[in-house]
Amino acid sequence: MKQEISASYRDWLEAQEMPNGKRSAMLSALELFAKQGFDGTSTMAIAKNAGISQATIFKYFKTKDDLLEAILKPMIDHLLPEYREDFLSDIPAATSLRDEIHFLVRNRYEFLKKNKEVALIFLTQVMTNANTRSMFQDFMTETAPLFIDYIYKTLKRSGSLRADLAPAAVLRTIAGQLLSYFIQQQVLLPDAKFDEDADLQMIEDLIVRALSKDSK
């Protein structure tokens, strides 16, 4: 089934056919892993937050690592590819570099916000968990040619992209700005007030200046 950007990972998980105890354990773990980190969350805390027993958790997941994998694997194997296809099909035809960057920044940040729990888990686990890192590397290897065909070439067709920038540098410039702001907003300063629209406009300006041959 096609997943729209309005349908978050949590929405998807709640809609899956599975025993209620298993779903409760996964939803609770999703919330607590995002808030407290994987290492900082015990199965006892997951059970208490879900209103179930630890025995129920271990009925479906032998270890906490198995529970983590049950959350992340369907995201990498199924949902990210489907979200990716939706996103690529929505990229506007060649317009100005600024218009393309505006679309990329707004679309991808909306995606991060709607999937903030699993995104935060990914960001920490990719750095510390070899299994998660391997799964994500496989996804990125598959995605790289699509990034070049759909995004990098579209930006080049605008006529304003710097010729000296390789696709990896373009991706790093866009993703780095978005992820830095996401972490600042969700992790470092979660209680601070942000003017998100103004902040994203500033990010767009920074990216355009970094990528545009007219800004050199």
C-alpha atoms as a PDB file:
ATOM      1  CA  MET A   1       0.000   0.000   0.000  1.00  0.00           C
ATOM      2  CA  LYS A   2       1.323   3.435  -0.903  1.00  0.00           C
ATOM      3  CA  GLN A   3       2.413   5.387   2.159  1.00  0.00           C
ATOM      4  CA  GLU A   4       1.675   9.123   2.021  1.00  0.00           C
ATOM      5  CA  ILE A   5       3.875  11.595   3.844  1.00  0.00           C
ATOM      6  CA  SER A   6       0.959  12.241   6.227  1.00  0.00           C
ATOM      7  CA  ALA A   7       1.108   8.611   7.366  1.00  0.00           C
ATOM      8  CA  SER A   8       3.864   8.268   9.944  1.00  0.00           C
ATOM      9  CA  TYR A   9       5.663   5.128  10.999  1.00  0.00           C
ATOM     10  CA  ARG A  10       3.579   5.162  14.191  1.00  0.00           C
ATOM     11  CA  ASP A  11       0.378   5.286  12.106  1.00  0.00           C
ATOM     12  CA  TRP A  12       1.631   2.349  10.065  1.00  0.00           C
ATOM     13  CA  LEU A  13       2.543   0.335  13.154  1.00  0.00           C
ATOM     14  CA  GLU A  14      -0.826   0.934  14.783  1.00  0.00           C
ATOM     15  CA  ALA A  15      -2.570  -0.330  11.638  1.00  0.00           C
ATOM     16  CA  GLN A  16      -0.636  -3.619  11.356  1.00  0.00           C
ATOM     17  CA  GLU A  17      -2.323  -6.913  12.132  1.00  0.00           C
ATOM     18  CA  MET A  18      -0.612  -8.352  15.198  1.00  0.00           C
ATOM     19  CA  PRO A  19      -1.471  -9.329  18.774  1.00  0.00           C
ATOM     20  CA  ASN A  20      -2.306  -6.341  20.962  1.00  0.00           C
ATOM     21  CA  GLY A  21       0.470  -7.162  23.422  1.00  0.00           C
ATOM     22  CA  LYS A  22       3.084  -7.163  20.674  1.00  0.00           C
ATOM     23  CA  ARG A  23       1.830  -3.873  19.256  1.00  0.00           C
ATOM     24  CA  SER A  24       1.769  -2.279  22.714  1.00  0.00           C
ATOM     25  CA  ALA A  25       5.344  -3.378  23.351  1.00  0.00           C
ATOM     26  CA  MET A  26       6.550  -1.975  20.036  1.00  0.00           C
ATOM     27  CA  LEU A  27       4.729   1.352  20.426  1.00  0.00           C
ATOM     28  CA  SER A  28       6.044   1.743  23.968  1.00  0.00           C
ATOM     29  CA  ALA A  29       9.591   0.892  22.889  1.00  0.00           C
ATOM     30  CA  LEU A  30       9.324   3.326  19.975  1.00  0.00           C
ATOM     31  CA  GLU A  31       8.425   6.126  22.387  1.00  0.00           C
ATOM     32  CA  LEU A  32      11.008   5.317  25.063  1.00  0.00           C
ATOM     33  CA  PHE A  33      13.921   4.480  22.743  1.00  0.00           C
ATOM     34  CA  ALA A  34      13.393   7.887  21.121  1.00  0.00           C
ATOM     35  CA  LYS A  35      13.185   9.755  24.450  1.00  0.00           C
ATOM     36  CA  GLN A  36      15.727   7.882  26.560  1.00  0.00           C
ATOM     37  CA  GLY A  37      17.870   6.020  24.072  1.00  0.00           C
ATOM     38  CA  PHE A  38      18.108   2.279  23.566  1.00  0.00           C
ATOM     39  CA  ASP A  39      20.707   1.725  26.293  1.00  0.00           C
ATOM     40  CA  GLY A  40      18.818   3.944  28.732  1.00  0.00           C
ATOM     41  CA  THR A  41      15.561   2.018  28.404  1.00  0.00           C
ATOM     42  CA  SER A  42      14.848  -1.242  30.249  1.00  0.00           C
ATOM     43  CA  THR A  43      12.273  -3.842  29.296  1.00  0.00           C
ATOM     44  CA  MET A  44      10.669  -3.151  32.683  1.00  0.00           C
ATOM     45  CA  ALA A  45      10.201   0.502  31.704  1.00  0.00           C
ATOM     46  CA  ILE A  46       8.801  -0.536  28.312  1.00  0.00           C
ATOM     47  CA  ALA A  47       6.326  -2.902  29.972  1.00  0.00           C
ATOM     48  CA  LYS A  48       5.231  -0.311  32.560  1.00  0.00           C
ATOM     49  CA  ASN A  49       4.756   2.368  29.907  1.00  0.00           C
ATOM     50  CA  ALA A  50       2.729  -0.047  27.761  1.00  0.00           C
ATOM     51  CA  GLY A  51       0.624  -1.362  30.647  1.00  0.00           C
ATOM     52  CA  ILE A  52       1.737  -4.948  30.030  1.00  0.00           C
ATOM     53  CA  SER A  53       4.003  -7.425  31.783  1.00  0.00           C
ATOM     54  CA  GLN A  54       7.625  -8.104  30.915  1.00  0.00           C
ATOM     55  CA  ALA A  55       6.523 -11.671  30.229  1.00  0.00           C
ATOM     56  CA  THR A  56       4.355 -10.348  27.389  1.00  0.00           C
ATOM     57  CA  ILE A  57       7.371  -8.584  25.876  1.00  0.00           C
ATOM     58  CA  PHE A  58       9.502 -11.713  26.065  1.00  0.00           C
ATOM     59  CA  LYS A  59       6.679 -13.774  24.587  1.00  0.00           C
ATOM     60  CA  TYR A  60       7.220 -11.918  21.302  1.00  0.00           C
ATOM     61  CA  PHE A  61      10.831 -10.735  21.573  1.00  0.00           C
ATOM     62  CA  LYS A  62      13.606 -12.840  23.083  1.00  0.00           C
ATOM     63  CA  THR A  63      15.795  -9.805  23.777  1.00  0.00           C
ATOM     64  CA  LYS A  64      15.607  -6.014  23.757  1.00  0.00           C
ATOM     65  CA  ASP A  65      17.767  -6.126  20.617  1.00  0.00           C
ATOM     66  CA  ASP A  66      15.106  -8.245  18.911  1.00  0.00           C
ATOM     67  CA  LEU A  67      12.528  -5.618  19.846  1.00  0.00           C
ATOM     68  CA  LEU A  68      14.710  -2.873  18.366  1.00  0.00           C
ATOM     69  CA  GLU A  69      15.150  -4.837  15.146  1.00  0.00           C
ATOM     70  CA  ALA A  70      11.395  -5.439  14.934  1.00  0.00           C
ATOM     71  CA  ILE A  71      10.910  -1.667  14.970  1.00  0.00           C
ATOM     72  CA  LEU A  72      13.668  -0.708  12.541  1.00  0.00           C
ATOM     73  CA  LYS A  73      13.730  -3.533  10.013  1.00  0.00           C
ATOM     74  CA  PRO A  74      10.278  -2.937   8.458  1.00  0.00           C
ATOM     75  CA  MET A  75      11.082   0.752   8.230  1.00  0.00           C
ATOM     76  CA  ILE A  76      14.269   0.070   6.267  1.00  0.00           C
ATOM     77  CA  ASP A  77      13.000  -2.875   4.236  1.00  0.00           C
ATOM     78  CA  HIS A  78       9.542  -1.643   3.310  1.00  0.00           C
ATOM     79  CA  LEU A  79       8.501   1.824   4.416  1.00  0.00           C
ATOM     80  CA  LEU A  80      11.603   3.839   3.510  1.00  0.00           C
ATOM     81  CA  PRO A  81      11.582   2.505  -0.073  1.00  0.00           C
ATOM     82  CA  GLU A  82       7.871   3.320  -0.378  1.00  0.00           C
ATOM     83  CA  TYR A  83       8.290   6.776   1.160  1.00  0.00           C
ATOM     84  CA  ARG A  84      11.242   7.278  -1.179  1.00  0.00           C
ATOM     85  CA  GLU A  85       9.172   6.450  -4.253  1.00  0.00           C
ATOM     86  CA  ASP A  86       6.437   8.875  -3.181  1.00  0.00           C
ATOM     87  CA  PHE A  87       9.009  11.597  -2.573  1.00  0.00           C
ATOM     88  CA  LEU A  88      10.831  11.112  -5.886  1.00  0.00           C
ATOM     89  CA  SER A  89       7.587  11.165  -7.837  1.00  0.00           C
ATOM     90  CA  ASP A  90       6.684  14.515  -6.248  1.00  0.00           C
ATOM     91  CA  ILE A  91       9.933  16.319  -7.118  1.00  0.00           C
ATOM     92  CA  PRO A  92       8.966  19.221  -9.408  1.00  0.00           C
ATOM     93  CA  ALA A  93      10.320  19.335 -12.925  1.00  0.00           C
ATOM     94  CA  ALA A  94      13.364  21.506 -13.475  1.00  0.00           C
ATOM     95  CA  THR A  95      12.663  24.994 -12.140  1.00  0.00           C
ATOM     96  CA  SER A  96      15.023  27.382 -10.387  1.00  0.00           C
ATOM     97  CA  LEU A  97      17.621  26.071  -7.957  1.00  0.00           C
ATOM     98  CA  ARG A  98      15.931  28.000  -5.150  1.00  0.00           C
ATOM     99  CA  ASP A  99      12.530  26.452  -5.900  1.00  0.00           C
ATOM    100  CA  GLU A 100      14.021  22.954  -5.939  1.00  0.00           C
ATOM    101  CA  ILE A 101      15.816  23.537  -2.635  1.00  0.00           C
ATOM    102  CA  HIS A 102      12.627  24.949  -1.117  1.00  0.00           C
ATOM    103  CA  PHE A 103      10.752  21.774  -2.046  1.00  0.00           C
ATOM    104  CA  LEU A 104      13.501  19.465  -0.756  1.00  0.00           C
ATOM    105  CA  VAL A 105      13.895  21.272   2.563  1.00  0.00           C
ATOM    106  CA  ARG A 106      10.180  21.565   3.338  1.00  0.00           C
ATOM    107  CA  ASN A 107       9.261  18.076   2.174  1.00  0.00           C
ATOM    108  CA  ARG A 108      12.070  16.249   3.945  1.00  0.00           C
ATOM    109  CA  TYR A 109      11.713  18.211   7.174  1.00  0.00           C
ATOM    110  CA  GLU A 110       8.005  17.431   7.278  1.00  0.00           C
ATOM    111  CA  PHE A 111       8.925  13.776   6.840  1.00  0.00           C
ATOM    112  CA  LEU A 112      11.424  13.945   9.729  1.00  0.00           C
ATOM    113  CA  LYS A 113       8.876  15.565  12.030  1.00  0.00           C
ATOM    114  CA  LYS A 114       6.129  13.074  11.243  1.00  0.00           C
ATOM    115  CA  ASN A 115       8.543  10.213  11.889  1.00  0.00           C
ATOM    116  CA  LYS A 116      10.578  11.846  14.647  1.00  0.00           C
ATOM    117  CA  GLU A 117      10.556   8.871  17.012  1.00  0.00           C
ATOM    118  CA  VAL A 118      11.956   6.342  14.565  1.00  0.00           C
ATOM    119  CA  ALA A 119      14.234   9.014  13.060  1.00  0.00           C
ATOM    120  CA  LEU A 120      15.805   9.714  16.458  1.00  0.00           C
ATOM    121  CA  ILE A 121      16.302   5.990  17.067  1.00  0.00           C
ATOM    122  CA  PHE A 122      17.935   5.632  13.653  1.00  0.00           C
ATOM    123  CA  LEU A 123      20.297   8.526  14.223  1.00  0.00           C
ATOM    124  CA  THR A 124      21.629   7.052  17.448  1.00  0.00           C
ATOM    125  CA  GLN A 125      21.658   3.424  16.379  1.00  0.00           C
ATOM    126  CA  VAL A 126      23.387   4.031  13.041  1.00  0.00           C
ATOM    127  CA  MET A 127      26.327   5.426  15.015  1.00  0.00           C
ATOM    128  CA  THR A 128      26.442   2.736  17.707  1.00  0.00           C
ATOM    129  CA  ASN A 129      24.810  -0.429  16.363  1.00  0.00           C
ATOM    130  CA  ALA A 130      26.636  -2.368  13.644  1.00  0.00           C
ATOM    131  CA  ASN A 131      23.525  -4.260  12.546  1.00  0.00           C
ATOM    132  CA  THR A 132      21.461  -1.103  12.120  1.00  0.00           C
ATOM    133  CA  ARG A 133      24.349   0.592  10.357  1.00  0.00           C
ATOM    134  CA  SER A 134      24.654  -2.311   7.919  1.00  0.00           C
ATOM    135  CA  MET A 135      20.924  -2.242   7.113  1.00  0.00           C
ATOM    136  CA  PHE A 136      21.007   1.504   6.546  1.00  0.00           C
ATOM    137  CA  GLN A 137      24.145   1.301   4.402  1.00  0.00           C
ATOM    138  CA  ASP A 138      22.397  -1.230   2.171  1.00  0.00           C
ATOM    139  CA  PHE A 139      19.451   1.143   1.820  1.00  0.00           C
ATOM    140  CA  MET A 140      21.719   4.077   0.977  1.00  0.00           C
ATOM    141  CA  THR A 141      23.640   2.015  -1.590  1.00  0.00           C
ATOM    142  CA  GLU A 142      20.324   1.264  -3.284  1.00  0.00           C
ATOM    143  CA  THR A 143      19.194   4.890  -3.006  1.00  0.00           C
ATOM    144  CA  ALA A 144      22.367   6.589  -4.305  1.00  0.00           C
ATOM    145  CA  PRO A 145      21.660   6.039  -8.039  1.00  0.00           C
ATOM    146  CA  LEU A 146      18.107   7.321  -7.546  1.00  0.00           C
ATOM    147  CA  PHE A 147      19.412  10.434  -5.803  1.00  0.00           C
ATOM    148  CA  ILE A 148      21.658  11.123  -8.782  1.00  0.00           C
ATOM    149  CA  ASP A 149      18.944  10.474 -11.365  1.00  0.00           C
ATOM    150  CA  TYR A 150      16.090  12.336  -9.678  1.00  0.00           C
ATOM    151  CA  ILE A 151      17.614  15.037  -7.471  1.00  0.00           C
ATOM    152  CA  TYR A 152      21.163  15.816  -8.552  1.00  0.00           C
ATOM    153  CA  LYS A 153      20.294  15.881 -12.263  1.00  0.00           C
ATOM    154  CA  THR A 154      17.212  18.008 -11.575  1.00  0.00           C
ATOM    155  CA  LEU A 155      19.350  20.510  -9.679  1.00  0.00           C
ATOM    156  CA  LYS A 156      21.849  20.519 -12.552  1.00  0.00           C
ATOM    157  CA  ARG A 157      19.091  21.220 -15.069  1.00  0.00           C
ATOM    158  CA  SER A 158      18.316  24.427 -13.189  1.00  0.00           C
ATOM    159  CA  GLY A 159      21.557  25.762 -14.665  1.00  0.00           C
ATOM    160  CA  SER A 160      22.674  27.213 -11.340  1.00  0.00           C
ATOM    161  CA  LEU A 161      24.354  24.260  -9.606  1.00  0.00           C
ATOM    162  CA  ARG A 162      28.110  24.544  -9.122  1.00  0.00           C
ATOM    163  CA  ALA A 163      29.909  22.261 -11.584  1.00  0.00           C
ATOM    164  CA  ASP A 164      32.595  21.322  -9.053  1.00  0.00           C
ATOM    165  CA  LEU A 165      30.166  19.671  -6.627  1.00  0.00           C
ATOM    166  CA  ALA A 166      29.838  15.885  -6.745  1.00  0.00           C
ATOM    167  CA  PRO A 167      26.473  14.278  -5.859  1.00  0.00           C
ATOM    168  CA  ALA A 168      27.801  13.253  -2.431  1.00  0.00           C
ATOM    169  CA  ALA A 169      28.709  16.860  -1.630  1.00  0.00           C
ATOM    170  CA  VAL A 170      25.241  18.052  -2.632  1.00  0.00           C
ATOM    171  CA  LEU A 171      23.564  15.388  -0.510  1.00  0.00           C
ATOM    172  CA  ARG A 172      25.833  16.172   2.443  1.00  0.00           C
ATOM    173  CA  THR A 173      25.059  19.891   2.202  1.00  0.00           C
ATOM    174  CA  ILE A 174      21.290  19.400   2.190  1.00  0.00           C
ATOM    175  CA  ALA A 175      21.066  16.521   4.677  1.00  0.00           C
ATOM    176  CA  GLY A 176      23.605  18.048   7.049  1.00  0.00           C
ATOM    177  CA  GLN A 177      21.621  21.256   7.440  1.00  0.00           C
ATOM    178  CA  LEU A 178      18.310  19.455   7.931  1.00  0.00           C
ATOM    179  CA  LEU A 179      19.596  16.879  10.405  1.00  0.00           C
ATOM    180  CA  SER A 180      21.466  19.497  12.439  1.00  0.00           C
ATOM    181  CA  TYR A 181      18.299  21.552  12.829  1.00  0.00           C
ATOM    182  CA  PHE A 182      16.202  18.461  13.581  1.00  0.00           C
ATOM    183  CA  ILE A 183      18.584  17.380  16.368  1.00  0.00           C
ATOM    184  CA  GLN A 184      18.696  20.905  17.778  1.00  0.00           C
ATOM    185  CA  GLN A 185      14.903  21.105  17.833  1.00  0.00           C
ATOM    186  CA  GLN A 186      14.129  17.583  19.040  1.00  0.00           C
ATOM    187  CA  VAL A 187      17.105  16.656  21.235  1.00  0.00           C
ATOM    188  CA  LEU A 188      19.264  19.589  22.304  1.00  0.00           C
ATOM    189  CA  LEU A 189      16.549  22.204  22.902  1.00  0.00           C
ATOM    190  CA  PRO A 190      13.215  20.338  22.966  1.00  0.00           C
ATOM    191  CA  ASP A 191      11.526  22.934  25.189  1.00  0.00           C
ATOM    192  CA  ALA A 192      12.724  25.992  23.266  1.00  0.00           C
ATOM    193  CA  LYS A 193      10.431  27.969  21.003  1.00  0.00           C
ATOM    194  CA  PHE A 194      11.416  27.913  17.334  1.00  0.00           C
ATOM    195  CA  ASP A 195      10.211  30.013  14.441  1.00  0.00           C
ATOM    196  CA  GLU A 196      10.316  26.981  12.206  1.00  0.00           C
ATOM    197  CA  ASP A 197       9.277  28.719   9.015  1.00  0.00           C
ATOM    198  CA  ALA A 198      11.952  31.401   9.428  1.00  0.00           C
ATOM    199  CA  ASP A 199      14.549  28.804  10.416  1.00  0.00           C
ATOM    200  CA  LEU A 200      13.807  26.645   7.386  1.00  0.00           C
ATOM    201  CA  GLN A 201      13.965  29.717   5.153  1.00  0.00           C
ATOM    202  CA  MET A 202      17.404  30.456   6.550  1.00  0.00           C
ATOM    203  CA  ILE A 203      18.450  26.846   5.889  1.00  0.00           C
ATOM    204  CA  GLU A 204      17.233  27.172   2.307  1.00  0.00           C
ATOM    205  CA  ASP A 205      19.262  30.361   1.894  1.00  0.00           C
ATOM    206  CA  LEU A 206      22.401  28.702   3.287  1.00  0.00           C
ATOM    207  CA  ILE A 207      22.022  25.689   0.986  1.00  0.00           C
ATOM    208  CA  VAL A 208      21.386  27.836  -2.093  1.00  0.00           C
ATOM    209  CA  ARG A 209      24.470  29.944  -1.361  1.00  0.00           C
ATOM    210  CA  ALA A 210      26.558  26.793  -0.884  1.00  0.00           C
ATOM    211  CA  LEU A 211      25.344  25.112  -4.074  1.00  0.00           C
ATOM    212  CA  SER A 212      24.823  27.994  -6.487  1.00  0.00           C
ATOM    213  CA  LYS A 213      27.545  28.892  -8.947  1.00  0.00           C
ATOM    214  CA  ASP A 214      26.228  32.463  -8.821  1.00  0.00           C
ATOM    215  CA  SER A 215      27.144  32.709  -5.125  1.00  0.00           C
ATOM    216  CA  LYS A 216      30.855  31.900  -5.524  1.00  0.00           C
END
